[in-house]
């Protein structure tokens, strides 16, 4: 079996699917909402990913009303970053 490597050249260690889904949800919340997920949101999106492996998590969270408000606030606070 060939070893796979991550972006930093470290050997990749496969995660169980439920851990991978939790990691993906937490990362999406941080990236698109600037915060950790509340338990209800974490549970909901993990269930969506478990039921449908092709579920577009980035689109679901990134296009949410909260994400749009977060982006507007980031732009308002940091207009030079445009």
Protein backbone atom coordinates (compact mmCIF):
# COMPACT_ATOMS: atom_id res chain seq x y z
CA UNK A 1 0.00 0.00 0.00
CA UNK A 2 1.37 3.39 -1.04
CA UNK A 3 1.60 6.14 1.59
CA UNK A 4 -0.30 9.34 0.82
CA UNK A 5 1.02 12.72 1.96
CA UNK A 6 -0.77 15.91 2.94
CA UNK A 7 0.02 19.45 1.75
CA UNK A 8 2.83 19.73 4.29
CA UNK A 9 4.55 16.50 3.25
CA UNK A 10 3.37 14.61 6.31
CA UNK A 11 1.96 11.11 5.94
CA UNK A 12 -1.83 11.21 5.76
CA UNK A 13 -3.66 9.21 8.37
CA UNK A 14 -7.16 8.26 7.27
CA UNK A 15 -9.92 9.35 9.63
CA UNK A 16 -13.14 7.47 10.23
CA UNK A 17 -15.93 9.09 8.12
CA UNK A 18 -17.71 10.59 11.15
CA UNK A 19 -14.50 12.32 12.31
CA UNK A 20 -13.82 13.56 8.78
CA UNK A 21 -17.34 14.97 8.51
CA UNK A 22 -17.04 16.73 11.88
CA UNK A 23 -13.70 18.21 10.81
CA UNK A 24 -15.23 19.43 7.53
CA UNK A 25 -18.20 21.04 9.27
CA UNK A 26 -16.00 22.77 11.86
CA UNK A 27 -13.66 24.08 9.14
CA UNK A 28 -16.56 25.38 7.04
CA UNK A 29 -18.05 27.21 10.03
CA UNK A 30 -14.71 28.83 10.82
CA UNK A 31 -14.07 29.80 7.22
CA UNK A 32 -17.52 31.09 6.30
CA UNK A 33 -18.91 32.24 9.65
CA UNK A 34 -15.79 33.01 11.68
CA UNK A 35 -16.89 30.83 14.57
CA UNK A 36 -17.26 27.28 15.82
CA UNK A 37 -20.57 25.54 15.15
CA UNK A 38 -23.24 25.25 17.79
CA UNK A 39 -24.21 21.66 18.57
CA UNK A 40 -27.43 21.80 16.54
CA UNK A 41 -25.65 23.05 13.42
CA UNK A 42 -22.84 20.53 13.82
CA UNK A 43 -25.34 17.68 14.17
CA UNK A 44 -27.44 18.89 11.23
CA UNK A 45 -24.58 19.21 8.76
CA UNK A 46 -22.94 15.98 9.88
CA UNK A 47 -26.26 14.22 9.24
CA UNK A 48 -26.50 15.83 5.79
CA UNK A 49 -22.99 14.61 4.91
CA UNK A 50 -23.71 11.13 6.24
CA UNK A 51 -26.93 10.83 4.23
CA UNK A 52 -25.49 12.33 1.05
CA UNK A 53 -21.71 12.15 0.49
CA UNK A 54 -22.12 14.63 -2.40
CA UNK A 55 -23.77 17.26 -0.17
CA UNK A 56 -22.24 20.65 -0.97
CA UNK A 57 -21.30 21.81 2.53
CA UNK A 58 -19.41 24.90 1.36
CA UNK A 59 -22.39 26.10 -0.65
CA UNK A 60 -24.88 25.39 2.15
CA UNK A 61 -22.93 27.28 4.80
CA UNK A 62 -21.22 29.81 2.52
CA UNK A 63 -24.51 30.99 0.99
CA UNK A 64 -26.38 31.21 4.28
CA UNK A 65 -27.80 34.50 5.54
CA UNK A 66 -25.37 34.37 8.46
CA UNK A 67 -22.39 33.98 6.10
CA UNK A 68 -23.55 36.95 4.00
CA UNK A 69 -23.90 39.09 7.12
CA UNK A 70 -20.49 37.93 8.36
CA UNK A 71 -18.91 38.87 5.02
CA UNK A 72 -20.54 42.31 5.00
CA UNK A 73 -19.25 42.92 8.54
CA UNK A 74 -15.74 41.81 7.57
CA UNK A 75 -15.77 44.20 4.60
CA UNK A 76 -17.11 47.03 6.77
CA UNK A 77 -14.37 46.47 9.36
CA UNK A 78 -11.55 45.92 6.85
CA UNK A 79 -12.28 47.87 3.64
CA UNK A 80 -8.58 47.87 2.69
CA UNK A 81 -8.68 44.08 2.29
CA UNK A 82 -10.91 44.26 -0.79
